[in-house]
PDB file of N, CA and C in Angstrom:
ATOM      1  N   MET A   1      75.827 127.313 171.432  1.00  0.00           N
ATOM      2  CA  MET A   1      75.149 125.427 171.108  1.00  0.00           C
ATOM      3  C   MET A   1      76.133 125.295 170.166  1.00  0.00           C
ATOM      4  N   LYS A   2      76.397 123.890 170.276  1.00  0.00           N
ATOM      5  CA  LYS A   2      77.296 123.223 169.711  1.00  0.00           C
ATOM      6  C   LYS A   2      76.568 122.130 168.461  1.00  0.00           C
ATOM      7  N   LEU A   3      76.999 122.439 167.481  1.00  0.00           N
ATOM      8  CA  LEU A   3      76.521 121.509 166.095  1.00  0.00           C
ATOM      9  C   LEU A   3      76.877 119.831 166.446  1.00  0.00           C
ATOM     10  N   ARG A   4      76.172 119.239 166.099  1.00  0.00           N
ATOM     11  CA  ARG A   4      76.535 117.898 165.676  1.00  0.00           C
ATOM     12  C   ARG A   4      77.180 117.254 164.280  1.00  0.00           C
ATOM     13  N   GLN A   5      78.175 117.011 164.386  1.00  0.00           N
ATOM     14  CA  GLN A   5      79.329 116.942 163.614  1.00  0.00           C
ATOM     15  C   GLN A   5      78.585 115.373 162.566  1.00  0.00           C
ATOM     16  N   ARG A   6      78.383 115.672 161.360  1.00  0.00           N
ATOM     17  CA  ARG A   6      77.489 114.382 160.683  1.00  0.00           C
ATOM     18  C   ARG A   6      78.850 113.559 160.630  1.00  0.00           C
ATOM     19  N   GLN A   7      78.595 111.952 161.054  1.00  0.00           N
ATOM     20  CA  GLN A   7      79.023 111.249 161.085  1.00  0.00           C
ATOM     21  C   GLN A   7      78.904 110.418 159.628  1.00  0.00           C
ATOM     22  N   PRO A   8      79.762 109.395 159.734  1.00  0.00           N
ATOM     23  CA  PRO A   8      79.824 108.728 158.127  1.00  0.00           C
ATOM     24  C   PRO A   8      78.945 107.450 158.339  1.00  0.00           C
ATOM     25  N   ARG A   9      77.943 107.501 157.692  1.00  0.00           N
ATOM     26  CA  ARG A   9      76.935 106.128 157.578  1.00  0.00           C
ATOM     27  C   ARG A   9      77.347 104.781 157.730  1.00  0.00           C
ATOM     28  N   GLN A  10      77.026 104.062 158.769  1.00  0.00           N
ATOM     29  CA  GLN A  10      77.629 102.167 158.436  1.00  0.00           C
ATOM     30  C   GLN A  10      76.937 102.038 157.463  1.00  0.00           C
ATOM     31  N   ARG A  11      77.473 101.677 156.346  1.00  0.00           N
ATOM     32  CA  ARG A  11      76.593 100.570 155.597  1.00  0.00           C
ATOM     33  C   ARG A  11      77.112  99.068 155.531  1.00  0.00           C
ATOM     34  N   ASN A  12      76.166  98.358 155.394  1.00  0.00           N
ATOM     35  CA  ASN A  12      76.228  96.863 155.291  1.00  0.00           C
ATOM     36  C   ASN A  12      75.326  96.043 154.567  1.00  0.00           C
ATOM     37  N   GLU A  13      75.849  96.078 152.948  1.00  0.00           N
ATOM     38  CA  GLU A  13      75.080  95.297 152.032  1.00  0.00           C
ATOM     39  C   GLU A  13      74.612  93.713 152.547  1.00  0.00           C
ATOM     40  N   ARG A  14      75.511  93.244 153.225  1.00  0.00           N
ATOM     41  CA  ARG A  14      75.395  91.948 153.731  1.00  0.00           C
ATOM     42  C   ARG A  14      74.222  91.587 154.710  1.00  0.00           C
ATOM     43  N   HIS A  15      74.150  92.750 155.562  1.00  0.00           N
ATOM     44  CA  HIS A  15      73.012  92.800 156.757  1.00  0.00           C
ATOM     45  C   HIS A  15      71.482  93.155 156.165  1.00  0.00           C
ATOM     46  N   LEU A  16      71.667  94.420 154.756  1.00  0.00           N
ATOM     47  CA  LEU A  16      70.730  94.556 154.098  1.00  0.00           C
ATOM     48  C   LEU A  16      69.931  93.320 153.788  1.00  0.00           C
ATOM     49  N   ALA A  17      71.066  92.387 153.001  1.00  0.00           N
ATOM     50  CA  ALA A  17      70.727  91.026 152.081  1.00  0.00           C
ATOM     51  C   ALA A  17      69.627  90.204 153.061  1.00  0.00           C
ATOM     52  N   TRP A  18      70.405  89.806 154.090  1.00  0.00           N
ATOM     53  CA  TRP A  18      69.668  89.145 155.190  1.00  0.00           C
ATOM     54  C   TRP A  18      68.516  89.839 155.929  1.00  0.00           C
ATOM     55  N   ILE A  19      68.203  90.696 156.047  1.00  0.00           N
ATOM     56  CA  ILE A  19      67.328  90.859 156.207  1.00  0.00           C
ATOM     57  C   ILE A  19      66.082  91.221 154.869  1.00  0.00           C
ATOM     58  N   ARG A  20      66.353  91.474 154.016  1.00  0.00           N
ATOM     59  CA  ARG A  20      65.406  91.285 153.024  1.00  0.00           C
ATOM     60  C   ARG A  20      65.081  89.738 152.888  1.00  0.00           C
ATOM     61  N   THR A  21      65.754  88.979 153.179  1.00  0.00           N
ATOM     62  CA  THR A  21      64.919  87.238 153.576  1.00  0.00           C
ATOM     63  C   THR A  21      63.958  87.058 154.152  1.00  0.00           C
ATOM     64  N   LEU A  22      63.828  87.557 155.271  1.00  0.00           N
ATOM     65  CA  LEU A  22      63.302  87.510 156.549  1.00  0.00           C
ATOM     66  C   LEU A  22      61.527  88.143 156.088  1.00  0.00           C
ATOM     67  N   PRO A  23      60.810  87.337 156.699  1.00  0.00           N
ATOM     68  CA  PRO A  23      59.139  87.862 156.724  1.00  0.00           C
ATOM     69  C   PRO A  23      59.243  89.240 157.136  1.00  0.00           C
ATOM     70  N   CYS A  24      58.342  89.897 157.081  1.00  0.00           N
ATOM     71  CA  CYS A  24      57.544  91.409 157.268  1.00  0.00           C
ATOM     72  C   CYS A  24      57.734  90.991 158.955  1.00  0.00           C
ATOM     73  N   CYS A  25      58.089  91.761 159.775  1.00  0.00           N
ATOM     74  CA  CYS A  25      58.265  91.738 161.148  1.00  0.00           C
ATOM     75  C   CYS A  25      56.446  92.357 162.103  1.00  0.00           C
ATOM     76  N   VAL A  26      56.079  93.077 161.000  1.00  0.00           N
ATOM     77  CA  VAL A  26      54.308  93.608 161.301  1.00  0.00           C
ATOM     78  C   VAL A  26      53.432  92.233 160.699  1.00  0.00           C
ATOM     79  N   CYS A  27      53.260  91.971 159.688  1.00  0.00           N
ATOM     80  CA  CYS A  27      52.243  91.302 159.147  1.00  0.00           C
ATOM     81  C   CYS A  27      52.541  89.718 158.967  1.00  0.00           C
ATOM     82  N   GLY A  28      54.393  89.411 158.816  1.00  0.00           N
ATOM     83  CA  GLY A  28      54.531  88.369 158.074  1.00  0.00           C
ATOM     84  C   GLY A  28      54.658  87.997 156.745  1.00  0.00           C
ATOM     85  N   ASP A  29      54.517  88.849 156.239  1.00  0.00           N
ATOM     86  CA  ASP A  29      54.322  88.620 154.092  1.00  0.00           C
ATOM     87  C   ASP A  29      56.119  88.226 154.208  1.00  0.00           C
ATOM     88  N   ASP A  30      56.187  87.098 153.242  1.00  0.00           N
ATOM     89  CA  ASP A  30      57.376  87.089 153.182  1.00  0.00           C
ATOM     90  C   ASP A  30      57.303  87.147 151.567  1.00  0.00           C
ATOM     91  N   ILE A  31      57.228  87.814 151.108  1.00  0.00           N
ATOM     92  CA  ILE A  31      57.121  87.995 149.696  1.00  0.00           C
ATOM     93  C   ILE A  31      57.978  88.900 148.963  1.00  0.00           C
ATOM     94  N   SER A  32      57.609  90.296 149.496  1.00  0.00           N
ATOM     95  CA  SER A  32      57.677  91.569 149.057  1.00  0.00           C
ATOM     96  C   SER A  32      58.783  92.289 150.519  1.00  0.00           C
ATOM     97  N   THR A  33      59.572  91.506 151.064  1.00  0.00           N
ATOM     98  CA  THR A  33      60.380  92.163 151.989  1.00  0.00           C
ATOM     99  C   THR A  33      61.314  93.242 151.161  1.00  0.00           C
ATOM    100  N   GLU A  34      61.134  94.442 152.410  1.00  0.00           N
ATOM    101  CA  GLU A  34      62.198  95.394 152.193  1.00  0.00           C
ATOM    102  C   GLU A  34      62.986  95.662 153.433  1.00  0.00           C
ATOM    103  N   ALA A  35      64.320  96.174 153.477  1.00  0.00           N
ATOM    104  CA  ALA A  35      65.053  96.955 154.387  1.00  0.00           C
ATOM    105  C   ALA A  35      64.598  98.433 154.438  1.00  0.00           C
ATOM    106  N   ALA A  36      63.603  98.589 155.830  1.00  0.00           N
ATOM    107  CA  ALA A  36      63.214  99.773 156.010  1.00  0.00           C
ATOM    108  C   ALA A  36      64.148 100.528 157.322  1.00  0.00           C
ATOM    109  N   HIS A  37      64.667 101.441 156.872  1.00  0.00           N
ATOM    110  CA  HIS A  37      65.640 102.359 157.718  1.00  0.00           C
ATOM    111  C   HIS A  37      64.855 102.767 158.605  1.00  0.00           C
ATOM    112  N   ILE A  38      65.095 103.038 160.109  1.00  0.00           N
ATOM    113  CA  ILE A  38      65.023 104.138 160.890  1.00  0.00           C
ATOM    114  C   ILE A  38      65.429 105.071 161.156  1.00  0.00           C
ATOM    115  N   ARG A  39      64.082 106.064 161.109  1.00  0.00           N
ATOM    116  CA  ARG A  39      65.050 107.283 160.912  1.00  0.00           C
ATOM    117  C   ARG A  39      64.922 108.199 162.218  1.00  0.00           C
ATOM    118  N   THR A  40      64.345 107.925 163.134  1.00  0.00           N
ATOM    119  CA  THR A  40      64.141 108.554 164.490  1.00  0.00           C
ATOM    120  C   THR A  40      65.029 108.257 165.025  1.00  0.00           C
ATOM    121  N   GLY A  41      65.460 109.025 165.982  1.00  0.00           N
ATOM    122  CA  GLY A  41      66.607 109.195 166.726  1.00  0.00           C
ATOM    123  C   GLY A  41      66.300 108.499 168.452  1.00  0.00           C
ATOM    124  N   SER A  42      67.307 107.891 169.071  1.00  0.00           N
ATOM    125  CA  SER A  42      66.773 107.417 170.275  1.00  0.00           C
ATOM    126  C   SER A  42      68.067 107.399 171.186  1.00  0.00           C
ATOM    127  N   ILE A  43      67.984 108.358 171.999  1.00  0.00           N
ATOM    128  CA  ILE A  43      69.112 108.712 172.809  1.00  0.00           C
ATOM    129  C   ILE A  43      69.321 107.403 174.127  1.00  0.00           C
ATOM    130  N   ASN A  44      68.123 106.720 174.336  1.00  0.00           N
ATOM    131  CA  ASN A  44      68.303 105.275 174.994  1.00  0.00           C
ATOM    132  C   ASN A  44      68.667 104.132 174.246  1.00  0.00           C
ATOM    133  N   HIS A  45      68.599 104.588 173.194  1.00  0.00           N
ATOM    134  CA  HIS A  45      69.432 103.524 172.086  1.00  0.00           C
ATOM    135  C   HIS A  45      70.653 103.643 171.500  1.00  0.00           C
ATOM    136  N   ASP A  46      71.337 104.808 171.975  1.00  0.00           N
ATOM    137  CA  ASP A  46      72.258 105.709 171.059  1.00  0.00           C
ATOM    138  C   ASP A  46      72.429 105.349 169.805  1.00  0.00           C
ATOM    139  N   LYS A  47      71.140 105.853 169.231  1.00  0.00           N
ATOM    140  CA  LYS A  47      70.600 106.185 167.834  1.00  0.00           C
ATOM    141  C   LYS A  47      70.467 107.551 167.579  1.00  0.00           C
ATOM    142  N   PRO A  48      71.522 108.023 166.736  1.00  0.00           N
ATOM    143  CA  PRO A  48      71.357 109.562 166.382  1.00  0.00           C
ATOM    144  C   PRO A  48      70.404 109.802 165.402  1.00  0.00           C
ATOM    145  N   PRO A  49      69.623 111.206 165.763  1.00  0.00           N
ATOM    146  CA  PRO A  49      68.781 111.169 164.639  1.00  0.00           C
ATOM    147  C   PRO A  49      69.080 111.293 163.357  1.00  0.00           C
ATOM    148  N   THR A  50      68.231 111.330 162.477  1.00  0.00           N
ATOM    149  CA  THR A  50      68.824 111.402 160.823  1.00  0.00           C
ATOM    150  C   THR A  50      68.063 112.764 160.718  1.00  0.00           C
ATOM    151  N   GLY A  51      69.029 113.773 159.925  1.00  0.00           N
ATOM    152  CA  GLY A  51      68.682 114.775 159.360  1.00  0.00           C
ATOM    153  C   GLY A  51      68.351 114.903 157.867  1.00  0.00           C
ATOM    154  N   MET A  52      67.912 116.112 157.048  1.00  0.00           N
ATOM    155  CA  MET A  52      67.590 115.851 155.822  1.00  0.00           C
ATOM    156  C   MET A  52      68.530 115.620 154.943  1.00  0.00           C
ATOM    157  N   GLY A  53      67.911 114.971 154.258  1.00  0.00           N
ATOM    158  CA  GLY A  53      69.379 114.452 152.865  1.00  0.00           C
ATOM    159  C   GLY A  53      70.411 113.486 153.631  1.00  0.00           C
ATOM    160  N   GLU A  54      70.019 112.868 155.190  1.00  0.00           N
ATOM    161  CA  GLU A  54      70.819 112.047 155.517  1.00  0.00           C
ATOM    162  C   GLU A  54      70.296 110.657 155.849  1.00  0.00           C
ATOM    163  N   LYS A  55      70.413 109.334 155.902  1.00  0.00           N
ATOM    164  CA  LYS A  55      70.005 108.114 155.668  1.00  0.00           C
ATOM    165  C   LYS A  55      70.924 107.319 156.717  1.00  0.00           C
ATOM    166  N   PRO A  56      69.837 106.812 158.128  1.00  0.00           N
ATOM    167  CA  PRO A  56      70.688 105.897 158.906  1.00  0.00           C
ATOM    168  C   PRO A  56      71.459 105.009 158.339  1.00  0.00           C
ATOM    169  N   GLY A  57      72.523 104.308 159.441  1.00  0.00           N
ATOM    170  CA  GLY A  57      73.369 103.085 159.135  1.00  0.00           C
ATOM    171  C   GLY A  57      72.590 102.010 158.990  1.00  0.00           C
ATOM    172  N   ASP A  58      73.206 101.276 158.363  1.00  0.00           N
ATOM    173  CA  ASP A  58      72.054  99.946 157.727  1.00  0.00           C
ATOM    174  C   ASP A  58      72.043  98.944 158.902  1.00  0.00           C
ATOM    175  N   PHE A  59      72.541  99.278 160.145  1.00  0.00           N
ATOM    176  CA  PHE A  59      72.050  98.340 161.145  1.00  0.00           C
ATOM    177  C   PHE A  59      70.811  98.918 161.998  1.00  0.00           C
ATOM    178  N   TRP A  60      70.320 100.100 161.491  1.00  0.00           N
ATOM    179  CA  TRP A  60      69.334 100.513 161.987  1.00  0.00           C
ATOM    180  C   TRP A  60      67.757 100.533 160.730  1.00  0.00           C
ATOM    181  N   VAL A  61      68.141  98.903 160.258  1.00  0.00           N
ATOM    182  CA  VAL A  61      66.779  98.581 159.651  1.00  0.00           C
ATOM    183  C   VAL A  61      65.753  97.215 160.109  1.00  0.00           C
ATOM    184  N   LEU A  62      64.649  97.676 159.473  1.00  0.00           N
ATOM    185  CA  LEU A  62      63.904  96.305 160.191  1.00  0.00           C
ATOM    186  C   LEU A  62      63.055  95.845 158.951  1.00  0.00           C
ATOM    187  N   GLN A  63      62.775  94.289 158.956  1.00  0.00           N
ATOM    188  CA  GLN A  63      62.039  94.250 157.618  1.00  0.00           C
ATOM    189  C   GLN A  63      60.542  94.227 157.294  1.00  0.00           C
ATOM    190  N   LEU A  64      59.944  95.005 156.268  1.00  0.00           N
ATOM    191  CA  LEU A  64      59.026  95.359 156.122  1.00  0.00           C
ATOM    192  C   LEU A  64      58.735  94.991 155.240  1.00  0.00           C
ATOM    193  N   CYS A  65      57.397  94.414 154.594  1.00  0.00           N
ATOM    194  CA  CYS A  65      56.599  94.062 153.516  1.00  0.00           C
ATOM    195  C   CYS A  65      56.706  95.610 152.728  1.00  0.00           C
ATOM    196  N   SER A  66      56.357  95.806 151.341  1.00  0.00           N
ATOM    197  CA  SER A  66      56.282  96.811 150.813  1.00  0.00           C
ATOM    198  C   SER A  66      55.388  97.683 151.097  1.00  0.00           C
ATOM    199  N   LYS A  67      54.043  96.709 151.539  1.00  0.00           N
ATOM    200  CA  LYS A  67      52.582  97.503 151.990  1.00  0.00           C
ATOM    201  C   LYS A  67      53.241  97.938 153.216  1.00  0.00           C
ATOM    202  N   CYS A  68      53.601  97.703 154.413  1.00  0.00           N
ATOM    203  CA  CYS A  68      53.347  97.908 155.802  1.00  0.00           C
ATOM    204  C   CYS A  68      54.827  99.101 155.373  1.00  0.00           C
ATOM    205  N   HIS A  69      55.794  98.964 154.552  1.00  0.00           N
ATOM    206  CA  HIS A  69      57.164 100.227 154.744  1.00  0.00           C
ATOM    207  C   HIS A  69      56.288 101.168 153.818  1.00  0.00           C
ATOM    208  N   ARG A  70      55.444 101.375 152.838  1.00  0.00           N
ATOM    209  CA  ARG A  70      54.705 102.559 152.441  1.00  0.00           C
ATOM    210  C   ARG A  70      53.809 103.197 153.561  1.00  0.00           C
ATOM    211  N   GLU A  71      52.982 102.355 154.361  1.00  0.00           N
ATOM    212  CA  GLU A  71      52.205 102.844 155.498  1.00  0.00           C
ATOM    213  C   GLU A  71      52.817 103.226 156.597  1.00  0.00           C
ATOM    214  N   GLN A  72      54.237 102.750 156.569  1.00  0.00           N
ATOM    215  CA  GLN A  72      54.954 103.409 157.540  1.00  0.00           C
ATOM    216  C   GLN A  72      55.300 104.555 157.330  1.00  0.00           C
ATOM    217  N   HIS A  73      55.829 105.096 156.239  1.00  0.00           N
ATOM    218  CA  HIS A  73      56.310 106.463 155.523  1.00  0.00           C
ATOM    219  C   HIS A  73      55.107 107.316 155.510  1.00  0.00           C
ATOM    220  N   ALA A  74      53.943 107.004 155.224  1.00  0.00           N
ATOM    221  CA  ALA A  74      52.672 107.292 155.330  1.00  0.00           C
ATOM    222  C   ALA A  74      52.120 108.341 156.365  1.00  0.00           C
ATOM    223  N   ALA A  75      52.570 107.581 157.245  1.00  0.00           N
ATOM    224  CA  ALA A  75      52.032 107.646 158.475  1.00  0.00           C
ATOM    225  C   ALA A  75      52.196 109.013 159.328  1.00  0.00           C
ATOM    226  N   GLY A  76      53.679 109.623 158.842  1.00  0.00           N
ATOM    227  CA  GLY A  76      53.899 110.845 159.306  1.00  0.00           C
ATOM    228  C   GLY A  76      54.972 110.568 160.778  1.00  0.00           C
ATOM    229  N   ASP A  77      54.342 110.044 161.460  1.00  0.00           N
ATOM    230  CA  ASP A  77      55.076 109.800 162.950  1.00  0.00           C
ATOM    231  C   ASP A  77      55.370 108.345 162.664  1.00  0.00           C
ATOM    232  N   GLU A  78      56.658 108.495 162.568  1.00  0.00           N
ATOM    233  CA  GLU A  78      57.314 106.822 162.748  1.00  0.00           C
ATOM    234  C   GLU A  78      57.081 106.010 163.701  1.00  0.00           C
ATOM    235  N   LEU A  79      57.443 106.905 165.192  1.00  0.00           N
ATOM    236  CA  LEU A  79      57.218 105.823 166.206  1.00  0.00           C
ATOM    237  C   LEU A  79      55.777 105.665 167.024  1.00  0.00           C
ATOM    238  N   LYS A  80      54.706 106.746 166.577  1.00  0.00           N
ATOM    239  CA  LYS A  80      53.555 106.208 166.839  1.00  0.00           C
ATOM    240  C   LYS A  80      53.001 105.422 166.104  1.00  0.00           C
ATOM    241  N   TRP A  81      53.945 104.988 164.847  1.00  0.00           N
ATOM    242  CA  TRP A  81      53.411 103.851 163.750  1.00  0.00           C
ATOM    243  C   TRP A  81      53.666 102.786 164.151  1.00  0.00           C
ATOM    244  N   TRP A  82      54.897 102.800 164.840  1.00  0.00           N
ATOM    245  CA  TRP A  82      55.516 101.327 165.477  1.00  0.00           C
ATOM    246  C   TRP A  82      54.813 101.079 166.798  1.00  0.00           C
ATOM    247  N   ALA A  83      54.493 101.995 167.807  1.00  0.00           N
ATOM    248  CA  ALA A  83      53.318 101.787 168.874  1.00  0.00           C
ATOM    249  C   ALA A  83      52.534 101.269 168.175  1.00  0.00           C
ATOM    250  N   SER A  84      51.740 101.685 167.518  1.00  0.00           N
ATOM    251  CA  SER A  84      50.371 101.120 167.263  1.00  0.00           C
ATOM    252  C   SER A  84      50.453  99.854 166.716  1.00  0.00           C
ATOM    253  N   LYS A  85      51.358  99.388 166.196  1.00  0.00           N
ATOM    254  CA  LYS A  85      51.619  97.805 165.974  1.00  0.00           C
ATOM    255  C   LYS A  85      52.122  96.949 167.475  1.00  0.00           C
ATOM    256  N   GLY A  86      52.470  97.956 168.416  1.00  0.00           N
ATOM    257  CA  GLY A  86      52.774  97.113 169.486  1.00  0.00           C
ATOM    258  C   GLY A  86      53.933  96.929 169.739  1.00  0.00           C
ATOM    259  N   LEU A  87      55.241  97.293 168.853  1.00  0.00           N
ATOM    260  CA  LEU A  87      56.343  97.260 168.365  1.00  0.00           C
ATOM    261  C   LEU A  87      57.525  98.254 169.083  1.00  0.00           C
ATOM    262  N   ASP A  88      58.532  98.427 169.683  1.00  0.00           N
ATOM    263  CA  ASP A  88      59.904  99.209 169.436  1.00  0.00           C
ATOM    264  C   ASP A  88      60.857  98.438 168.681  1.00  0.00           C
ATOM    265  N   PRO A  89      61.043  99.627 167.467  1.00  0.00           N
ATOM    266  CA  PRO A  89      61.686  99.250 166.628  1.00  0.00           C
ATOM    267  C   PRO A  89      63.337  99.341 166.800  1.00  0.00           C
ATOM    268  N   PHE A  90      63.744  99.988 167.557  1.00  0.00           N
ATOM    269  CA  PHE A  90      65.134 100.292 168.113  1.00  0.00           C
ATOM    270  C   PHE A  90      65.345  99.055 168.471  1.00  0.00           C
ATOM    271  N   MET A  91      64.552  98.299 169.660  1.00  0.00           N
ATOM    272  CA  MET A  91      65.249  96.824 170.523  1.00  0.00           C
ATOM    273  C   MET A  91      64.592  95.899 169.461  1.00  0.00           C
ATOM    274  N   LEU A  92      63.887  95.806 168.310  1.00  0.00           N
ATOM    275  CA  LEU A  92      63.927  94.755 167.123  1.00  0.00           C
ATOM    276  C   LEU A  92      65.186  95.339 166.470  1.00  0.00           C
ATOM    277  N   ALA A  93      65.639  96.155 165.923  1.00  0.00           N
ATOM    278  CA  ALA A  93      66.986  96.494 165.087  1.00  0.00           C
ATOM    279  C   ALA A  93      67.876  96.388 165.593  1.00  0.00           C
ATOM    280  N   ILE A  94      67.681  96.347 167.053  1.00  0.00           N
ATOM    281  CA  ILE A  94      69.040  95.852 167.840  1.00  0.00           C
ATOM    282  C   ILE A  94      69.298  94.169 167.834  1.00  0.00           C
ATOM    283  N   GLN A  95      68.198  93.804 168.272  1.00  0.00           N
ATOM    284  CA  GLN A  95      67.995  92.184 168.095  1.00  0.00           C
ATOM    285  C   GLN A  95      68.440  91.342 166.777  1.00  0.00           C
ATOM    286  N   MET A  96      68.282  91.986 165.833  1.00  0.00           N
ATOM    287  CA  MET A  96      68.403  91.618 164.362  1.00  0.00           C
ATOM    288  C   MET A  96      69.730  91.674 163.758  1.00  0.00           C
ATOM    289  N   ARG A  97      70.586  92.346 164.541  1.00  0.00           N
ATOM    290  CA  ARG A  97      72.143  92.425 164.553  1.00  0.00           C
ATOM    291  C   ARG A  97      72.863  90.731 164.590  1.00  0.00           C
ATOM    292  N   GLN A  98      73.295  90.845 163.244  1.00  0.00           N
ATOM    293  CA  GLN A  98      73.994  89.467 163.222  1.00  0.00           C
ATOM    294  C   GLN A  98      75.912  89.937 164.261  1.00  0.00           C
ATOM    295  N   PRO A  99      75.805  88.708 165.089  1.00  0.00           N
ATOM    296  CA  PRO A  99      77.190  88.668 165.693  1.00  0.00           C
ATOM    297  C   PRO A  99      78.537  88.788 164.554  1.00  0.00           C
TER     298      PRO A  99
END
């Protein structure tokens, strides 16, 4: 079995700052928006999984208000939480990338 080499994290403070200016993509709250990183991997979207002590790249983020962000973390299963909202987090994050 071949181990996956840890890749350097893609950082982009400008993208994170822009994401924080948008309303929550779940409830529309525009007061307390946070940049929520998607931790789950997806082969279909070329998103590597995130290991322990590892944070996803800054382009794998979505805008969530603090309430939805906490709810998402508390849910345990990130993908089930997004599905319960009727959203595909991978496609949303890809669409949010600025050219």
